[in-house]
């Protein structure tokens, strides 16, 4: 494998998993540096290079620096075109970008809110009633406030996930390869498998995985069982019954 640079991040962090998976599928190596959140990324050495103190943070062998997980993953995917991670045509590349955005914004964001808020109890706003302002559809100069209780917050995220997973399962059912864009694993498939892993840890128990969204989780199994990335993804940590608000 060819070393291309080093990265600050944590293997438990979803976007770090995506980046390392992309590198492995391209026969590239990224040195994952020792990292302690709140310590390493607040050090002068780190913030001098990455002022926002965000991870993952990548630095190539020639000193090129990049943050934001999706940007790093796409950059690494572009280094070995023959790996096919960005597709084989401009149309396929556009579809890869579409599905990456879908996986992150329509599934991963909401499953992570449930994971952090309902399971880990890390988000104070998730555990208290909040007021979210919405612009009026009738008068742009006015707004009205929708009160969301703790239970309503959970249901709001859950409803968004269900809508997306239903759409995704129907789409994958029609795909002979079981993959998103073509017959090979692309960056989009890796991002989706990453998002679905979180879904299986929060809102999808055994019944949902086997009976409601079988094609979604067949996709996850196909991608994460690839010999080059199975160790990066590790054990999925799926739950038997989906999390409910209580």
Protein backbone atom coordinates (compact mmCIF):
# COMPACT_ATOMS: atom_id res chain seq x y z
CA UNK A 1 0.00 0.00 0.00
CA UNK A 2 1.18 3.51 -0.81
CA UNK A 3 1.37 6.02 2.04
CA UNK A 4 -0.27 9.33 1.09
CA UNK A 5 -0.35 11.23 4.37
CA UNK A 6 -1.53 11.34 7.96
CA UNK A 7 -4.82 12.07 9.63
CA UNK A 8 -6.13 13.08 13.02
CA UNK A 9 -9.29 11.22 13.90
CA UNK A 10 -10.82 8.39 15.87
CA UNK A 11 -11.63 5.02 14.32
CA UNK A 12 -14.96 5.12 16.17
CA UNK A 13 -15.85 8.31 14.33
CA UNK A 14 -18.05 7.46 11.31
CA UNK A 15 -16.34 9.79 8.83
CA UNK A 16 -12.92 8.48 9.83
CA UNK A 17 -14.16 4.98 8.98
CA UNK A 18 -15.28 6.16 5.55
CA UNK A 19 -11.93 7.78 4.77
CA UNK A 20 -9.89 4.77 5.87
CA UNK A 21 -12.20 2.48 3.88
CA UNK A 22 -11.74 4.57 0.74
CA UNK A 23 -7.97 4.47 1.18
CA UNK A 24 -7.98 0.70 1.66
CA UNK A 25 -10.08 0.08 -1.45
CA UNK A 26 -7.64 2.24 -3.42
CA UNK A 27 -4.63 0.39 -2.00
CA UNK A 28 -3.53 3.57 -0.24
CA UNK A 29 -2.43 4.08 3.35
CA UNK A 30 -3.19 6.94 5.71
CA UNK A 31 -1.35 7.10 9.03
CA UNK A 32 -3.93 7.54 11.77
CA UNK A 33 -2.27 9.65 14.45
CA UNK A 34 -2.88 9.24 18.20
CA UNK A 35 -5.80 11.47 19.11
CA UNK A 36 -7.59 12.53 22.29
CA UNK A 37 -10.60 14.74 21.73
CA UNK A 38 -10.40 18.08 23.54
CA UNK A 39 -6.67 17.67 24.05
CA UNK A 40 -4.98 16.88 20.75
CA UNK A 41 -7.22 19.16 18.71
CA UNK A 42 -6.73 22.05 21.14
CA UNK A 43 -2.95 21.89 21.06
CA UNK A 44 -1.04 24.74 19.37
CA UNK A 45 0.51 22.26 16.94
CA UNK A 46 -2.96 21.18 15.79
CA UNK A 47 -4.72 24.54 15.69
CA UNK A 48 -1.84 26.13 13.79
CA UNK A 49 -2.58 23.74 10.95
CA UNK A 50 -6.33 23.35 11.49
CA UNK A 51 -7.68 26.51 13.18
CA UNK A 52 -11.25 25.23 13.65
CA UNK A 53 -9.91 22.28 15.68
CA UNK A 54 -12.17 19.85 13.82
CA UNK A 55 -11.57 16.20 13.04
CA UNK A 56 -11.04 14.33 10.87
CA UNK A 57 -8.14 16.48 9.67
CA UNK A 58 -5.84 15.28 6.89
CA UNK A 59 -2.35 16.32 5.80
CA UNK A 60 -0.72 14.82 2.70
CA UNK A 61 2.95 14.03 2.33
CA UNK A 62 3.47 17.28 0.42
CA UNK A 63 1.73 19.37 3.09
CA UNK A 64 -1.74 19.66 1.54
CA UNK A 65 -4.29 19.99 4.34
CA UNK A 66 -7.96 19.26 4.32
CA UNK A 67 -10.84 19.04 6.79
CA UNK A 68 -14.48 17.90 6.52
CA UNK A 69 -14.88 14.15 6.24
CA UNK A 70 -16.75 14.08 2.93
CA UNK A 71 -14.17 16.35 1.29
CA UNK A 72 -11.27 14.21 2.51
CA UNK A 73 -12.98 11.01 1.38
CA UNK A 74 -13.69 12.44 -2.06
CA UNK A 75 -10.11 13.67 -2.42
CA UNK A 76 -8.69 10.27 -1.52
CA UNK A 77 -11.17 8.62 -3.91
CA UNK A 78 -9.87 10.78 -6.75
CA UNK A 79 -6.24 9.69 -6.33
CA UNK A 80 -6.74 6.27 -7.93
CA UNK A 81 -9.34 6.62 -10.71
CA UNK A 82 -8.98 2.95 -11.63
CA UNK A 83 -10.49 2.01 -8.26
CA UNK A 84 -13.79 3.37 -9.59
CA UNK A 85 -14.87 4.95 -6.31
CA UNK A 86 -16.24 8.03 -8.09
CA UNK A 87 -17.83 6.08 -10.92
CA UNK A 88 -16.72 5.72 -14.52
CA UNK A 89 -18.50 8.69 -16.14
CA UNK A 90 -19.58 12.22 -15.29
CA UNK A 91 -23.14 10.94 -14.79
CA UNK A 92 -22.02 8.25 -12.38
CA UNK A 93 -19.86 10.74 -10.48
CA UNK A 94 -22.90 12.99 -10.10
CA UNK A 95 -24.90 10.02 -8.76
CA UNK A 96 -22.12 9.23 -6.30
CA UNK A 97 -22.28 12.80 -5.01
CA UNK A 98 -26.07 12.63 -4.82
CA UNK A 99 -26.06 9.46 -2.73
CA UNK A 100 -23.25 10.70 -0.47
CA UNK A 101 -25.33 13.76 0.32
CA UNK A 102 -28.45 11.63 0.81
CA UNK A 103 -26.70 9.25 3.21
CA UNK A 104 -25.29 12.09 5.30
CA UNK A 105 -28.26 14.47 5.38
CA UNK A 106 -31.25 12.13 5.22
CA UNK A 107 -30.08 9.19 7.35
CA UNK A 108 -26.86 9.74 9.25
CA UNK A 109 -27.77 13.14 10.67
CA UNK A 110 -31.02 11.93 12.22
CA UNK A 111 -29.76 8.55 13.41
CA UNK A 112 -26.82 10.31 15.05
CA UNK A 113 -29.16 12.69 16.85
CA UNK A 114 -31.05 9.74 18.30
CA UNK A 115 -27.80 7.93 19.11
CA UNK A 116 -26.26 10.91 20.88
CA UNK A 117 -29.42 12.28 22.44
CA UNK A 118 -31.49 9.26 23.39
CA UNK A 119 -28.77 6.65 23.88
CA UNK A 120 -25.63 8.49 25.00
CA UNK A 121 -27.48 11.47 26.56
CA UNK A 122 -24.86 13.80 25.10
CA UNK A 123 -27.07 16.51 23.65
CA UNK A 124 -28.70 18.76 26.26
CA UNK A 125 -31.18 20.13 23.73
CA UNK A 126 -32.48 16.63 23.05
CA UNK A 127 -33.37 16.11 26.69
CA UNK A 128 -35.31 19.31 27.23
CA UNK A 129 -38.26 21.00 25.57
CA UNK A 130 -37.13 23.41 22.87
CA UNK A 131 -38.67 26.06 20.68
CA UNK A 132 -37.81 26.02 16.99
CA UNK A 133 -38.79 29.06 14.91
CA UNK A 134 -40.28 28.36 11.50
CA UNK A 135 -40.88 31.08 8.90
CA UNK A 136 -44.53 31.66 8.10
CA UNK A 137 -45.64 30.39 4.71
CA UNK A 138 -48.08 33.30 4.48
CA UNK A 139 -46.10 36.31 5.68
CA UNK A 140 -42.32 36.25 5.32
CA UNK A 141 -41.97 39.03 7.86
CA UNK A 142 -43.57 36.91 10.56
CA UNK A 143 -42.76 33.56 12.10
CA UNK A 144 -44.45 31.06 14.33
CA UNK A 145 -42.90 28.77 16.85
CA UNK A 146 -43.36 25.03 16.94
CA UNK A 147 -42.97 23.57 20.40
CA UNK A 148 -41.27 20.19 20.37
CA UNK A 149 -41.33 18.04 23.47
CA UNK A 150 -38.59 15.48 24.09
CA UNK A 151 -40.82 12.73 22.72
CA UNK A 152 -41.77 14.79 19.68
CA UNK A 153 -38.11 15.45 18.91
CA UNK A 154 -37.44 11.72 18.89
CA UNK A 155 -40.47 11.06 16.66
CA UNK A 156 -39.47 13.85 14.27
CA UNK A 157 -36.05 12.29 13.69
CA UNK A 158 -37.54 8.80 13.52
CA UNK A 159 -40.13 9.81 10.92
CA UNK A 160 -37.43 11.30 8.72
CA UNK A 161 -35.39 8.10 8.95
CA UNK A 162 -38.38 5.87 8.12
CA UNK A 163 -39.21 7.99 5.06
CA UNK A 164 -35.64 7.73 3.79
CA UNK A 165 -35.22 4.02 4.49
CA UNK A 166 -38.47 3.14 2.72
CA UNK A 167 -37.36 5.06 -0.35
CA UNK A 168 -33.91 3.47 -0.20
CA UNK A 169 -35.18 -0.08 0.23
CA UNK A 170 -37.46 0.29 -2.79
CA UNK A 171 -34.58 1.65 -4.84
CA UNK A 172 -32.14 -1.11 -3.87
CA UNK A 173 -34.74 -3.81 -4.53
CA UNK A 174 -34.57 -2.86 -8.20
CA UNK A 175 -30.76 -2.85 -8.34
CA UNK A 176 -29.42 -6.21 -9.65
CA UNK A 177 -26.00 -5.52 -8.12
CA UNK A 178 -27.46 -4.45 -4.79
CA UNK A 179 -25.25 -1.35 -4.99
CA UNK A 180 -26.18 2.29 -5.51
CA UNK A 181 -24.55 3.43 -8.74
CA UNK A 182 -23.05 0.54 -10.73
CA UNK A 183 -21.79 -3.00 -10.18
CA UNK A 184 -18.84 -1.93 -8.03
CA UNK A 185 -18.52 -0.37 -4.60
CA UNK A 186 -18.29 3.41 -4.87
CA UNK A 187 -17.79 6.20 -2.37
CA UNK A 188 -21.58 6.43 -2.16
CA UNK A 189 -21.88 2.82 -1.01
CA UNK A 190 -19.32 3.38 1.73
CA UNK A 191 -21.09 6.49 3.01
CA UNK A 192 -24.42 4.68 2.95
CA UNK A 193 -23.10 1.61 4.76
CA UNK A 194 -21.68 3.94 7.39
CA UNK A 195 -25.03 5.69 7.85
CA UNK A 196 -26.96 2.41 7.95
CA UNK A 197 -24.65 1.06 10.63
CA UNK A 198 -25.84 3.88 12.88
CA UNK A 199 -29.45 3.12 11.92
CA UNK A 200 -28.94 -0.47 13.07
CA UNK A 201 -27.69 0.85 16.39
CA UNK A 202 -30.71 3.07 17.00
CA UNK A 203 -33.96 2.81 15.07
CA UNK A 204 -33.67 -0.58 13.36
CA UNK A 205 -33.88 -3.71 15.47
CA UNK A 206 -33.93 -7.27 14.18
CA UNK A 207 -37.47 -7.00 12.81
CA UNK A 208 -36.73 -3.80 10.90
CA UNK A 209 -33.46 -5.13 9.51
CA UNK A 210 -34.84 -8.48 8.36
CA UNK A 211 -38.45 -7.72 7.44
CA UNK A 212 -38.92 -3.99 6.82
CA UNK A 213 -35.68 -2.90 5.14
CA UNK A 214 -34.05 -6.16 3.99
CA UNK A 215 -32.43 -4.66 0.88
CA UNK A 216 -30.93 -1.78 2.85
CA UNK A 217 -29.24 -4.11 5.31
CA UNK A 218 -28.23 -6.54 2.56
CA UNK A 219 -26.40 -3.59 1.04
CA UNK A 220 -24.72 -2.86 4.37
CA UNK A 221 -23.62 -6.49 4.70
CA UNK A 222 -22.28 -6.60 1.15
CA UNK A 223 -20.20 -3.45 1.52
CA UNK A 224 -18.86 -4.00 5.02
CA UNK A 225 -17.90 -7.63 4.36
CA UNK A 226 -15.42 -6.62 1.65
CA UNK A 227 -12.08 -8.08 2.64
CA UNK A 228 -10.24 -4.76 2.50
CA UNK A 229 -12.60 -2.82 4.76
CA UNK A 230 -14.28 -5.32 7.07
CA UNK A 231 -11.74 -4.58 9.82
CA UNK A 232 -12.28 -0.83 9.46
CA UNK A 233 -16.03 -1.15 10.01
CA UNK A 234 -15.66 -3.80 12.73
CA UNK A 235 -18.64 -5.34 14.46
CA UNK A 236 -21.82 -3.42 13.61
CA UNK A 237 -23.16 -3.29 17.15
CA UNK A 238 -26.74 -3.76 15.99
CA UNK A 239 -29.50 -3.80 18.60
CA UNK A 240 -32.28 -6.38 18.96
CA UNK A 241 -35.11 -3.86 19.35
CA UNK A 242 -35.19 -0.32 18.07
CA UNK A 243 -34.80 2.49 20.58
CA UNK A 244 -38.04 4.02 21.82
CA UNK A 245 -38.55 7.20 23.77
CA UNK A 246 -39.20 6.68 27.47
